[in-house]
């Protein structure tokens, strides 16, 4: 992990013995990846769609980029077992 806030979260989870090291790492990594994807969607991809008048084919491609980020988020929700906390 290369993000201090996530390292701190990992350390807290381990210190409190909530989950195993392996599970804790997967959980924290998933949260980190989800944050990155959400920032990309809401700070970059959606504003690009709203601020430009793309032809239909380009617009669809941009929507697909958003779809792929949500697939990435879905993967990390499942991989990190975030619905089973």
N, C-alpha and C. Protein backbone atom coordinates (compact mmCIF):
# COMPACT_ATOMS: atom_id res chain seq x y z
N UNK A 1 0.84 -1.19 0.00
CA UNK A 1 0.00 0.00 0.00
C UNK A 1 0.88 1.24 0.00
N UNK A 2 0.48 2.19 -0.78
CA UNK A 2 1.30 3.40 -0.88
C UNK A 2 0.56 4.65 -0.43
N UNK A 3 -0.53 4.47 0.25
CA UNK A 3 -1.32 5.61 0.69
C UNK A 3 -1.38 5.61 2.22
N UNK A 4 -0.95 6.68 2.82
CA UNK A 4 -0.82 6.73 4.29
C UNK A 4 -2.14 6.48 5.02
N UNK A 5 -3.24 7.05 4.50
CA UNK A 5 -4.50 6.85 5.21
C UNK A 5 -4.93 5.39 5.18
N UNK A 6 -4.63 4.71 4.07
CA UNK A 6 -4.99 3.30 4.00
C UNK A 6 -4.04 2.43 4.81
N UNK A 7 -2.79 2.82 4.88
CA UNK A 7 -1.85 2.12 5.76
C UNK A 7 -2.30 2.24 7.21
N UNK A 8 -2.78 3.42 7.57
CA UNK A 8 -3.27 3.64 8.93
C UNK A 8 -4.50 2.78 9.21
N UNK A 9 -5.40 2.70 8.24
CA UNK A 9 -6.59 1.86 8.40
C UNK A 9 -6.19 0.40 8.56
N UNK A 10 -5.27 -0.05 7.72
CA UNK A 10 -4.78 -1.43 7.80
C UNK A 10 -4.20 -1.71 9.19
N UNK A 11 -3.37 -0.81 9.67
CA UNK A 11 -2.75 -0.99 10.98
C UNK A 11 -3.80 -1.05 12.09
N UNK A 12 -4.83 -0.24 11.99
CA UNK A 12 -5.89 -0.25 13.01
C UNK A 12 -6.65 -1.57 12.99
N UNK A 13 -6.95 -2.06 11.80
CA UNK A 13 -7.67 -3.33 11.68
C UNK A 13 -6.84 -4.46 12.27
N UNK A 14 -5.55 -4.48 11.95
CA UNK A 14 -4.66 -5.52 12.47
C UNK A 14 -4.51 -5.39 13.99
N UNK A 15 -4.30 -4.19 14.46
CA UNK A 15 -4.09 -3.97 15.90
C UNK A 15 -5.30 -4.42 16.71
N UNK A 16 -6.49 -4.17 16.17
CA UNK A 16 -7.71 -4.55 16.88
C UNK A 16 -8.08 -6.02 16.65
N UNK A 17 -7.28 -6.70 15.82
CA UNK A 17 -7.48 -8.13 15.52
C UNK A 17 -8.88 -8.40 14.99
N UNK A 18 -9.32 -7.53 14.09
CA UNK A 18 -10.65 -7.68 13.50
C UNK A 18 -10.64 -8.77 12.43
N UNK A 19 -9.63 -8.74 11.57
CA UNK A 19 -9.50 -9.71 10.48
C UNK A 19 -8.05 -10.19 10.40
N UNK A 20 -7.84 -11.24 9.64
CA UNK A 20 -6.48 -11.74 9.40
C UNK A 20 -5.70 -10.72 8.58
N UNK A 21 -4.39 -10.87 8.57
CA UNK A 21 -3.54 -9.97 7.78
C UNK A 21 -3.94 -9.99 6.30
N UNK A 22 -4.12 -11.19 5.77
CA UNK A 22 -4.45 -11.33 4.34
C UNK A 22 -5.79 -10.67 4.01
N UNK A 23 -6.81 -10.96 4.82
CA UNK A 23 -8.12 -10.38 4.57
C UNK A 23 -8.08 -8.86 4.75
N UNK A 24 -7.38 -8.41 5.75
CA UNK A 24 -7.28 -6.96 6.00
C UNK A 24 -6.63 -6.25 4.83
N UNK A 25 -5.60 -6.86 4.29
CA UNK A 25 -4.92 -6.25 3.15
C UNK A 25 -5.84 -6.19 1.94
N UNK A 26 -6.58 -7.26 1.67
CA UNK A 26 -7.52 -7.28 0.54
C UNK A 26 -8.62 -6.24 0.74
N UNK A 27 -9.12 -6.14 1.96
CA UNK A 27 -10.16 -5.18 2.28
C UNK A 27 -9.69 -3.75 2.04
N UNK A 28 -8.54 -3.42 2.57
CA UNK A 28 -8.03 -2.06 2.47
C UNK A 28 -7.66 -1.74 1.02
N UNK A 29 -7.06 -2.68 0.33
CA UNK A 29 -6.72 -2.47 -1.08
C UNK A 29 -7.99 -2.22 -1.90
N UNK A 30 -9.04 -2.99 -1.63
CA UNK A 30 -10.30 -2.79 -2.34
C UNK A 30 -10.87 -1.40 -2.10
N UNK A 31 -10.83 -0.96 -0.86
CA UNK A 31 -11.32 0.39 -0.56
C UNK A 31 -10.51 1.46 -1.30
N UNK A 32 -9.22 1.25 -1.37
CA UNK A 32 -8.35 2.20 -2.06
C UNK A 32 -8.67 2.25 -3.56
N UNK A 33 -8.87 1.09 -4.16
CA UNK A 33 -9.18 1.03 -5.58
C UNK A 33 -10.56 1.63 -5.88
N UNK A 34 -11.52 1.38 -5.01
CA UNK A 34 -12.86 1.94 -5.19
C UNK A 34 -12.81 3.46 -5.13
N UNK A 35 -12.06 3.98 -4.19
CA UNK A 35 -11.93 5.44 -4.10
C UNK A 35 -11.35 6.02 -5.39
N UNK A 36 -10.31 5.38 -5.92
CA UNK A 36 -9.70 5.87 -7.17
C UNK A 36 -10.71 5.87 -8.32
N UNK A 37 -11.47 4.78 -8.42
CA UNK A 37 -12.45 4.69 -9.51
C UNK A 37 -13.56 5.71 -9.36
N UNK A 38 -14.04 5.91 -8.15
CA UNK A 38 -15.09 6.90 -7.94
C UNK A 38 -14.61 8.31 -8.27
N UNK A 39 -13.40 8.62 -7.88
CA UNK A 39 -12.84 9.93 -8.23
C UNK A 39 -12.74 10.08 -9.73
N UNK A 40 -12.29 9.05 -10.40
CA UNK A 40 -12.17 9.11 -11.86
C UNK A 40 -13.53 9.35 -12.51
N UNK A 41 -14.54 8.62 -12.07
CA UNK A 41 -15.88 8.78 -12.65
C UNK A 41 -16.43 10.17 -12.40
N UNK A 42 -16.41 10.62 -11.15
CA UNK A 42 -17.10 11.86 -10.80
C UNK A 42 -16.27 13.13 -10.99
N UNK A 43 -14.98 13.01 -11.03
CA UNK A 43 -14.14 14.20 -11.23
C UNK A 43 -13.67 14.37 -12.67
N UNK A 44 -13.64 13.28 -13.42
CA UNK A 44 -13.12 13.37 -14.78
C UNK A 44 -14.11 12.92 -15.85
N UNK A 45 -14.57 11.67 -15.76
CA UNK A 45 -15.37 11.11 -16.85
C UNK A 45 -16.73 11.79 -17.02
N UNK A 46 -17.47 11.94 -15.95
CA UNK A 46 -18.78 12.61 -16.07
C UNK A 46 -18.64 14.08 -16.48
N UNK A 47 -17.74 14.83 -15.89
CA UNK A 47 -17.57 16.22 -16.35
C UNK A 47 -17.23 16.32 -17.84
N UNK A 48 -16.43 15.40 -18.34
CA UNK A 48 -16.11 15.40 -19.77
C UNK A 48 -17.38 15.23 -20.59
N UNK A 49 -18.25 14.33 -20.17
CA UNK A 49 -19.51 14.12 -20.90
C UNK A 49 -20.40 15.35 -20.83
N UNK A 50 -20.44 15.98 -19.68
CA UNK A 50 -21.32 17.13 -19.50
C UNK A 50 -20.83 18.39 -20.20
N UNK A 51 -19.53 18.52 -20.31
CA UNK A 51 -18.96 19.76 -20.84
C UNK A 51 -18.67 19.73 -22.34
N UNK A 52 -18.91 18.60 -22.97
CA UNK A 52 -18.60 18.49 -24.40
C UNK A 52 -19.81 18.00 -25.17
N UNK A 53 -19.80 18.30 -26.45
CA UNK A 53 -20.88 17.86 -27.33
C UNK A 53 -20.30 16.83 -28.31
N UNK A 54 -20.06 15.63 -27.79
CA UNK A 54 -19.45 14.58 -28.60
C UNK A 54 -20.44 14.00 -29.60
N UNK A 55 -19.93 13.52 -30.72
CA UNK A 55 -20.79 12.73 -31.61
C UNK A 55 -21.25 11.47 -30.86
N UNK A 56 -22.31 10.88 -31.34
CA UNK A 56 -22.91 9.74 -30.66
C UNK A 56 -21.90 8.62 -30.37
N UNK A 57 -21.07 8.26 -31.34
CA UNK A 57 -20.13 7.15 -31.14
C UNK A 57 -19.09 7.46 -30.06
N UNK A 58 -18.62 8.68 -30.00
CA UNK A 58 -17.65 9.07 -28.97
C UNK A 58 -18.35 9.12 -27.60
N UNK A 59 -19.56 9.63 -27.58
CA UNK A 59 -20.34 9.70 -26.34
C UNK A 59 -20.53 8.30 -25.76
N UNK A 60 -20.88 7.36 -26.63
CA UNK A 60 -21.08 5.98 -26.18
C UNK A 60 -19.78 5.41 -25.63
N UNK A 61 -18.67 5.68 -26.28
CA UNK A 61 -17.38 5.20 -25.78
C UNK A 61 -17.08 5.76 -24.40
N UNK A 62 -17.40 7.02 -24.19
CA UNK A 62 -17.19 7.64 -22.88
C UNK A 62 -18.09 6.99 -21.82
N UNK A 63 -19.31 6.66 -22.21
CA UNK A 63 -20.20 5.94 -21.29
C UNK A 63 -19.62 4.57 -20.95
N UNK A 64 -19.05 3.92 -21.95
CA UNK A 64 -18.41 2.61 -21.71
C UNK A 64 -17.24 2.74 -20.75
N UNK A 65 -16.51 3.84 -20.84
CA UNK A 65 -15.42 4.07 -19.89
C UNK A 65 -15.96 4.13 -18.46
N UNK A 66 -17.10 4.77 -18.30
CA UNK A 66 -17.74 4.84 -16.98
C UNK A 66 -18.19 3.45 -16.55
N UNK A 67 -18.79 2.72 -17.49
CA UNK A 67 -19.22 1.36 -17.19
C UNK A 67 -18.05 0.50 -16.71
N UNK A 68 -16.91 0.63 -17.36
CA UNK A 68 -15.74 -0.16 -16.98
C UNK A 68 -15.26 0.20 -15.57
N UNK A 69 -15.34 1.46 -15.22
CA UNK A 69 -14.96 1.84 -13.85
C UNK A 69 -15.92 1.22 -12.84
N UNK A 70 -17.21 1.17 -13.17
CA UNK A 70 -18.15 0.55 -12.25
C UNK A 70 -17.98 -0.96 -12.19
N UNK A 71 -17.54 -1.56 -13.27
CA UNK A 71 -17.20 -2.99 -13.22
C UNK A 71 -15.99 -3.20 -12.30
N UNK A 72 -15.04 -2.29 -12.40
CA UNK A 72 -13.86 -2.35 -11.54
C UNK A 72 -14.28 -2.21 -10.07
N UNK A 73 -15.18 -1.30 -9.80
CA UNK A 73 -15.70 -1.11 -8.44
C UNK A 73 -16.40 -2.37 -7.96
N UNK A 74 -17.25 -2.93 -8.81
CA UNK A 74 -17.98 -4.16 -8.47
C UNK A 74 -17.01 -5.29 -8.13
N UNK A 75 -15.96 -5.42 -8.94
CA UNK A 75 -14.95 -6.45 -8.68
C UNK A 75 -14.36 -6.26 -7.28
N UNK A 76 -13.99 -5.04 -6.93
CA UNK A 76 -13.36 -4.80 -5.64
C UNK A 76 -14.33 -4.91 -4.47
N UNK A 77 -15.59 -4.64 -4.70
CA UNK A 77 -16.59 -4.88 -3.65
C UNK A 77 -16.62 -6.37 -3.33
N UNK A 78 -16.61 -7.18 -4.38
CA UNK A 78 -16.65 -8.64 -4.19
C UNK A 78 -15.32 -9.17 -3.66
N UNK A 79 -14.21 -8.72 -4.24
CA UNK A 79 -12.89 -9.21 -3.85
C UNK A 79 -12.57 -8.87 -2.39
N UNK A 80 -12.99 -7.70 -1.96
CA UNK A 80 -12.74 -7.27 -0.59
C UNK A 80 -13.82 -7.72 0.38
N UNK A 81 -14.80 -8.48 -0.13
CA UNK A 81 -15.93 -8.94 0.70
C UNK A 81 -16.57 -7.79 1.46
N UNK A 82 -16.73 -6.67 0.79
CA UNK A 82 -17.23 -5.48 1.47
C UNK A 82 -18.69 -5.59 1.91
N UNK A 83 -19.43 -6.49 1.28
CA UNK A 83 -20.82 -6.67 1.69
C UNK A 83 -20.96 -7.64 2.86
N UNK A 84 -19.84 -8.24 3.27
CA UNK A 84 -19.86 -9.21 4.37
C UNK A 84 -19.08 -8.73 5.58
N UNK A 85 -18.86 -7.44 5.70
CA UNK A 85 -18.09 -6.93 6.84
C UNK A 85 -18.81 -7.18 8.15
